[in-house]
Amino acid sequence: MPSSIGFISLSGIVVNDSIVLVSFIKFRLKEGKGVHEAVHLAGMQRFRAVFLTSATTVAGLLPIMLETSLQAQFLIPMAVSISFGLMFATVVVLLLVPCLYSILSWLGWAQRIAAE
């Protein structure tokens, strides 16, 4: 059960990172940049924010994961699922989201969504 709660918390963090990245892409598109340039600029500008958010969360959960007391045994599965899931999801957000946005723009779906 605690691991499931950690997974739900993880999904909130990952969705927030993705929203920040896509909103910066859309902002660059409104400035008149091309899709590939907007994706590239947004990825460069938001890399530090997304990476540091993930790194500080993992670093903050590290003492809980290393705790050996009986009281911490309830929280360790939650901390492990958040930490390792966040390390994987950070790579996915920084690589896959810009690639998917480029593919969707190539298909014509991203411009339609950005125009709304």
N, C-alpha and C. Protein backbone atom coordinates (compact mmCIF):
# COMPACT_ATOMS: atom_id res chain seq x y z
N MET A 1 0.81 -1.19 0.00
CA MET A 1 0.00 0.00 0.00
C MET A 1 0.87 1.28 0.00
N PRO A 2 1.89 1.37 0.83
CA PRO A 2 2.72 2.57 0.78
C PRO A 2 3.40 2.78 -0.57
N SER A 3 3.76 1.68 -1.23
CA SER A 3 4.36 1.79 -2.54
C SER A 3 3.37 2.37 -3.55
N SER A 4 2.12 2.02 -3.43
CA SER A 4 1.07 2.58 -4.30
C SER A 4 0.89 4.07 -4.06
N ILE A 5 0.96 4.47 -2.83
CA ILE A 5 0.87 5.90 -2.51
C ILE A 5 2.07 6.64 -3.10
N GLY A 6 3.23 6.03 -3.05
CA GLY A 6 4.42 6.62 -3.66
C GLY A 6 4.27 6.74 -5.17
N PHE A 7 3.65 5.75 -5.79
CA PHE A 7 3.42 5.80 -7.23
C PHE A 7 2.46 6.94 -7.59
N ILE A 8 1.45 7.15 -6.80
CA ILE A 8 0.51 8.25 -7.05
C ILE A 8 1.22 9.60 -6.88
N SER A 9 2.05 9.72 -5.87
CA SER A 9 2.84 10.95 -5.68
C SER A 9 3.79 11.16 -6.84
N LEU A 10 4.40 10.10 -7.31
CA LEU A 10 5.32 10.17 -8.43
C LEU A 10 4.62 10.66 -9.69
N SER A 11 3.41 10.20 -9.92
CA SER A 11 2.70 10.64 -11.12
C SER A 11 2.42 12.14 -11.09
N GLY A 12 2.15 12.69 -9.94
CA GLY A 12 1.95 14.13 -9.84
C GLY A 12 3.20 14.92 -10.17
N ILE A 13 4.33 14.46 -9.70
CA ILE A 13 5.60 15.14 -9.97
C ILE A 13 5.94 15.07 -11.46
N VAL A 14 5.75 13.91 -12.06
CA VAL A 14 6.09 13.72 -13.48
C VAL A 14 5.17 14.55 -14.37
N VAL A 15 3.89 14.57 -14.06
CA VAL A 15 2.95 15.37 -14.84
C VAL A 15 3.31 16.84 -14.74
N ASN A 16 3.69 17.31 -13.58
CA ASN A 16 4.08 18.71 -13.41
C ASN A 16 5.31 19.04 -14.26
N ASP A 17 6.31 18.17 -14.26
CA ASP A 17 7.49 18.40 -15.09
C ASP A 17 7.14 18.44 -16.58
N SER A 18 6.27 17.55 -16.99
CA SER A 18 5.87 17.52 -18.41
C SER A 18 5.08 18.77 -18.80
N ILE A 19 4.21 19.22 -17.92
CA ILE A 19 3.43 20.43 -18.20
C ILE A 19 4.34 21.64 -18.32
N VAL A 20 5.33 21.74 -17.46
CA VAL A 20 6.27 22.86 -17.53
C VAL A 20 7.02 22.85 -18.85
N LEU A 21 7.45 21.69 -19.29
CA LEU A 21 8.20 21.59 -20.54
C LEU A 21 7.32 21.92 -21.75
N VAL A 22 6.13 21.38 -21.79
CA VAL A 22 5.23 21.64 -22.92
C VAL A 22 4.78 23.09 -22.95
N SER A 23 4.57 23.69 -21.78
CA SER A 23 4.17 25.11 -21.77
C SER A 23 5.29 26.00 -22.29
N PHE A 24 6.54 25.65 -22.02
CA PHE A 24 7.65 26.42 -22.57
C PHE A 24 7.77 26.23 -24.08
N ILE A 25 7.47 25.03 -24.56
CA ILE A 25 7.47 24.81 -26.00
C ILE A 25 6.40 25.67 -26.66
N LYS A 26 5.22 25.69 -26.08
CA LYS A 26 4.13 26.49 -26.64
C LYS A 26 4.45 27.98 -26.58
N PHE A 27 5.13 28.41 -25.51
CA PHE A 27 5.52 29.82 -25.39
C PHE A 27 6.50 30.20 -26.50
N ARG A 28 7.44 29.31 -26.79
CA ARG A 28 8.39 29.58 -27.87
C ARG A 28 7.71 29.57 -29.23
N LEU A 29 6.70 28.73 -29.40
CA LEU A 29 5.96 28.73 -30.66
C LEU A 29 5.19 30.03 -30.85
N LYS A 30 4.66 30.56 -29.77
CA LYS A 30 3.93 31.84 -29.86
C LYS A 30 4.86 32.99 -30.18
N GLU A 31 6.15 32.85 -29.85
CA GLU A 31 7.14 33.87 -30.20
C GLU A 31 7.50 33.81 -31.68
N GLY A 32 7.02 32.79 -32.38
CA GLY A 32 7.30 32.68 -33.80
C GLY A 32 8.43 31.73 -34.16
N LYS A 33 8.92 30.98 -33.21
CA LYS A 33 9.98 30.01 -33.49
C LYS A 33 9.40 28.82 -34.24
N GLY A 34 10.25 28.10 -34.94
CA GLY A 34 9.84 26.84 -35.56
C GLY A 34 9.68 25.77 -34.51
N VAL A 35 9.03 24.68 -34.89
CA VAL A 35 8.75 23.62 -33.91
C VAL A 35 10.03 23.02 -33.36
N HIS A 36 10.97 22.68 -34.22
CA HIS A 36 12.20 22.05 -33.75
C HIS A 36 13.04 23.02 -32.91
N GLU A 37 13.06 24.28 -33.29
CA GLU A 37 13.79 25.27 -32.50
C GLU A 37 13.10 25.50 -31.16
N ALA A 38 11.77 25.53 -31.15
CA ALA A 38 11.03 25.71 -29.89
C ALA A 38 11.26 24.55 -28.95
N VAL A 39 11.25 23.33 -29.49
CA VAL A 39 11.50 22.14 -28.66
C VAL A 39 12.92 22.17 -28.11
N HIS A 40 13.87 22.54 -28.95
CA HIS A 40 15.27 22.59 -28.52
C HIS A 40 15.48 23.66 -27.44
N LEU A 41 14.95 24.85 -27.66
CA LEU A 41 15.12 25.93 -26.67
C LEU A 41 14.43 25.61 -25.35
N ALA A 42 13.23 25.06 -25.43
CA ALA A 42 12.51 24.72 -24.20
C ALA A 42 13.25 23.63 -23.43
N GLY A 43 13.78 22.66 -24.16
CA GLY A 43 14.54 21.60 -23.48
C GLY A 43 15.79 22.13 -22.81
N MET A 44 16.48 23.05 -23.47
CA MET A 44 17.68 23.63 -22.87
C MET A 44 17.34 24.51 -21.66
N GLN A 45 16.27 25.29 -21.77
CA GLN A 45 15.94 26.23 -20.70
C GLN A 45 15.33 25.54 -19.48
N ARG A 46 14.62 24.46 -19.67
CA ARG A 46 13.96 23.81 -18.54
C ARG A 46 14.70 22.59 -18.03
N PHE A 47 15.83 22.23 -18.66
CA PHE A 47 16.59 21.06 -18.22
C PHE A 47 17.00 21.19 -16.76
N ARG A 48 17.56 22.34 -16.41
CA ARG A 48 18.06 22.52 -15.05
C ARG A 48 16.93 22.44 -14.03
N ALA A 49 15.78 23.06 -14.33
CA ALA A 49 14.66 23.04 -13.38
C ALA A 49 14.12 21.62 -13.18
N VAL A 50 13.94 20.89 -14.26
CA VAL A 50 13.42 19.52 -14.16
C VAL A 50 14.44 18.62 -13.46
N PHE A 51 15.71 18.73 -13.84
CA PHE A 51 16.74 17.89 -13.24
C PHE A 51 16.91 18.18 -11.75
N LEU A 52 16.95 19.46 -11.39
CA LEU A 52 17.15 19.80 -9.98
C LEU A 52 15.94 19.43 -9.13
N THR A 53 14.75 19.55 -9.68
CA THR A 53 13.56 19.11 -8.94
C THR A 53 13.66 17.63 -8.62
N SER A 54 14.05 16.85 -9.61
CA SER A 54 14.18 15.41 -9.41
C SER A 54 15.33 15.07 -8.46
N ALA A 55 16.46 15.73 -8.66
CA ALA A 55 17.63 15.42 -7.83
C ALA A 55 17.40 15.78 -6.36
N THR A 56 16.78 16.90 -6.09
CA THR A 56 16.54 17.27 -4.69
C THR A 56 15.49 16.37 -4.04
N THR A 57 14.51 15.92 -4.83
CA THR A 57 13.52 15.00 -4.27
C THR A 57 14.17 13.67 -3.92
N VAL A 58 14.99 13.15 -4.81
CA VAL A 58 15.69 11.88 -4.53
C VAL A 58 16.65 12.05 -3.36
N ALA A 59 17.37 13.16 -3.31
CA ALA A 59 18.29 13.40 -2.20
C ALA A 59 17.54 13.55 -0.88
N GLY A 60 16.37 14.14 -0.92
CA GLY A 60 15.58 14.29 0.30
C GLY A 60 15.01 12.98 0.80
N LEU A 61 14.75 12.04 -0.11
CA LEU A 61 14.21 10.75 0.28
C LEU A 61 15.28 9.73 0.63
N LEU A 62 16.52 10.04 0.32
CA LEU A 62 17.62 9.11 0.60
C LEU A 62 17.76 8.75 2.09
N PRO A 63 17.66 9.69 3.03
CA PRO A 63 17.75 9.30 4.44
C PRO A 63 16.64 8.33 4.87
N ILE A 64 15.45 8.48 4.29
CA ILE A 64 14.37 7.56 4.63
C ILE A 64 14.68 6.15 4.10
N MET A 65 15.23 6.08 2.89
CA MET A 65 15.55 4.78 2.31
C MET A 65 16.66 4.07 3.07
N LEU A 66 17.58 4.84 3.65
CA LEU A 66 18.71 4.25 4.37
C LEU A 66 18.42 3.99 5.85
N GLU A 67 17.29 4.42 6.33
CA GLU A 67 16.92 4.24 7.73
C GLU A 67 16.66 2.76 8.02
N THR A 68 17.10 2.33 9.19
CA THR A 68 16.94 0.91 9.55
C THR A 68 15.96 0.69 10.70
N SER A 69 15.38 1.75 11.23
CA SER A 69 14.50 1.58 12.38
C SER A 69 13.18 0.93 11.97
N LEU A 70 12.50 0.38 12.95
CA LEU A 70 11.23 -0.29 12.72
C LEU A 70 10.16 0.71 12.28
N GLN A 71 10.22 1.93 12.79
CA GLN A 71 9.23 2.95 12.43
C GLN A 71 9.34 3.35 10.96
N ALA A 72 10.53 3.31 10.40
CA ALA A 72 10.73 3.72 9.01
C ALA A 72 10.37 2.63 8.02
N GLN A 73 10.16 1.42 8.49
CA GLN A 73 9.86 0.31 7.58
C GLN A 73 8.57 0.54 6.80
N PHE A 74 7.68 1.32 7.33
CA PHE A 74 6.43 1.63 6.65
C PHE A 74 6.65 2.62 5.51
N LEU A 75 7.60 3.53 5.67
CA LEU A 75 7.82 4.58 4.67
C LEU A 75 8.83 4.20 3.59
N ILE A 76 9.66 3.20 3.82
CA ILE A 76 10.72 2.85 2.88
C ILE A 76 10.16 2.45 1.50
N PRO A 77 9.11 1.62 1.40
CA PRO A 77 8.60 1.30 0.05
C PRO A 77 8.11 2.52 -0.71
N MET A 78 7.51 3.45 -0.01
CA MET A 78 7.03 4.67 -0.66
C MET A 78 8.22 5.50 -1.16
N ALA A 79 9.24 5.64 -0.35
CA ALA A 79 10.42 6.41 -0.74
C ALA A 79 11.16 5.76 -1.90
N VAL A 80 11.22 4.45 -1.90
CA VAL A 80 11.90 3.74 -2.99
C VAL A 80 11.14 3.91 -4.30
N SER A 81 9.82 3.76 -4.26
CA SER A 81 9.05 3.89 -5.50
C SER A 81 9.11 5.31 -6.04
N ILE A 82 9.11 6.31 -5.19
CA ILE A 82 9.22 7.69 -5.65
C ILE A 82 10.61 7.94 -6.21
N SER A 83 11.64 7.54 -5.51
CA SER A 83 13.02 7.83 -5.91
C SER A 83 13.39 7.19 -7.24
N PHE A 84 13.22 5.89 -7.33
CA PHE A 84 13.64 5.21 -8.55
C PHE A 84 12.71 5.51 -9.71
N GLY A 85 11.43 5.68 -9.42
CA GLY A 85 10.51 6.09 -10.47
C GLY A 85 10.82 7.48 -10.98
N LEU A 86 11.22 8.36 -10.11
CA LEU A 86 11.55 9.72 -10.51
C LEU A 86 12.84 9.78 -11.32
N MET A 87 13.80 8.95 -10.97
CA MET A 87 15.03 8.91 -11.77
C MET A 87 14.75 8.46 -13.20
N PHE A 88 13.91 7.45 -13.35
CA PHE A 88 13.54 6.97 -14.68
C PHE A 88 12.67 8.00 -15.40
N ALA A 89 11.70 8.58 -14.70
CA ALA A 89 10.77 9.51 -15.33
C ALA A 89 11.44 10.81 -15.75
N THR A 90 12.48 11.21 -15.07
CA THR A 90 13.21 12.43 -15.45
C THR A 90 13.84 12.24 -16.83
N VAL A 91 14.42 11.09 -17.05
CA VAL A 91 15.00 10.81 -18.36
C VAL A 91 13.91 10.78 -19.42
N VAL A 92 12.78 10.17 -19.09
CA VAL A 92 11.67 10.09 -20.03
C VAL A 92 11.13 11.48 -20.35
N VAL A 93 10.96 12.32 -19.34
CA VAL A 93 10.43 13.66 -19.57
C VAL A 93 11.39 14.49 -20.40
N LEU A 94 12.67 14.41 -20.11
CA LEU A 94 13.63 15.25 -20.82
C LEU A 94 13.92 14.76 -22.24
N LEU A 95 13.72 13.49 -22.52
CA LEU A 95 13.98 12.97 -23.86
C LEU A 95 12.71 12.67 -24.65
N LEU A 96 11.77 11.98 -24.03
CA LEU A 96 10.61 11.50 -24.76
C LEU A 96 9.57 12.59 -25.03
N VAL A 97 9.32 13.47 -24.09
CA VAL A 97 8.31 14.51 -24.29
C VAL A 97 8.67 15.43 -25.45
N PRO A 98 9.89 15.95 -25.55
CA PRO A 98 10.20 16.77 -26.73
C PRO A 98 10.11 15.99 -28.04
N CYS A 99 10.54 14.73 -28.02
CA CYS A 99 10.46 13.91 -29.23
C CYS A 99 9.00 13.68 -29.63
N LEU A 100 8.16 13.37 -28.67
CA LEU A 100 6.75 13.17 -28.97
C LEU A 100 6.09 14.45 -29.47
N TYR A 101 6.49 15.58 -28.90
CA TYR A 101 5.92 16.85 -29.37
C TYR A 101 6.34 17.11 -30.82
N SER A 102 7.57 16.79 -31.16
CA SER A 102 8.03 16.96 -32.54
C SER A 102 7.26 16.03 -33.49
N ILE A 103 7.05 14.81 -33.07
CA ILE A 103 6.30 13.86 -33.90
C ILE A 103 4.86 14.31 -34.07
N LEU A 104 4.24 14.77 -32.98
CA LEU A 104 2.86 15.24 -33.08
C LEU A 104 2.75 16.48 -33.95
N SER A 105 3.75 17.33 -33.91
CA SER A 105 3.72 18.51 -34.79
C SER A 105 3.90 18.10 -36.24
N TRP A 106 4.72 17.07 -36.49
CA TRP A 106 4.90 16.57 -37.85
C TRP A 106 3.61 15.98 -38.39
N LEU A 107 2.83 15.35 -37.51
CA LEU A 107 1.54 14.80 -37.91
C LEU A 107 0.46 15.87 -38.03
N GLY A 108 0.74 17.06 -37.53
CA GLY A 108 -0.22 18.15 -37.60
C GLY A 108 -1.11 18.27 -36.39
N TRP A 109 -0.90 17.47 -35.37
CA TRP A 109 -1.76 17.50 -34.19
C TRP A 109 -1.33 18.56 -33.20
N ALA A 110 -0.05 18.83 -33.08
CA ALA A 110 0.44 19.78 -32.07
C ALA A 110 0.07 21.20 -32.43
N GLN A 111 0.10 21.58 -33.72
CA GLN A 111 -0.27 22.93 -34.10
C GLN A 111 -1.75 23.17 -33.83
N ARG A 112 -2.56 22.16 -34.09
CA ARG A 112 -3.99 22.30 -33.84
C ARG A 112 -4.24 22.50 -32.34
N ILE A 113 -3.53 21.78 -31.52
CA ILE A 113 -3.69 21.89 -30.07
C ILE A 113 -3.15 23.23 -29.59
N ALA A 114 -2.01 23.69 -30.13
CA ALA A 114 -1.41 24.95 -29.71
C ALA A 114 -2.26 26.13 -30.12
N ALA A 115 -3.01 26.01 -31.20
CA ALA A 115 -3.82 27.12 -31.68
C ALA A 115 -5.07 27.31 -30.84
N GLU A 116 -5.49 26.27 -30.14
CA GLU A 116 -6.73 26.36 -29.34
C GLU A 116 -6.54 27.15 -28.08
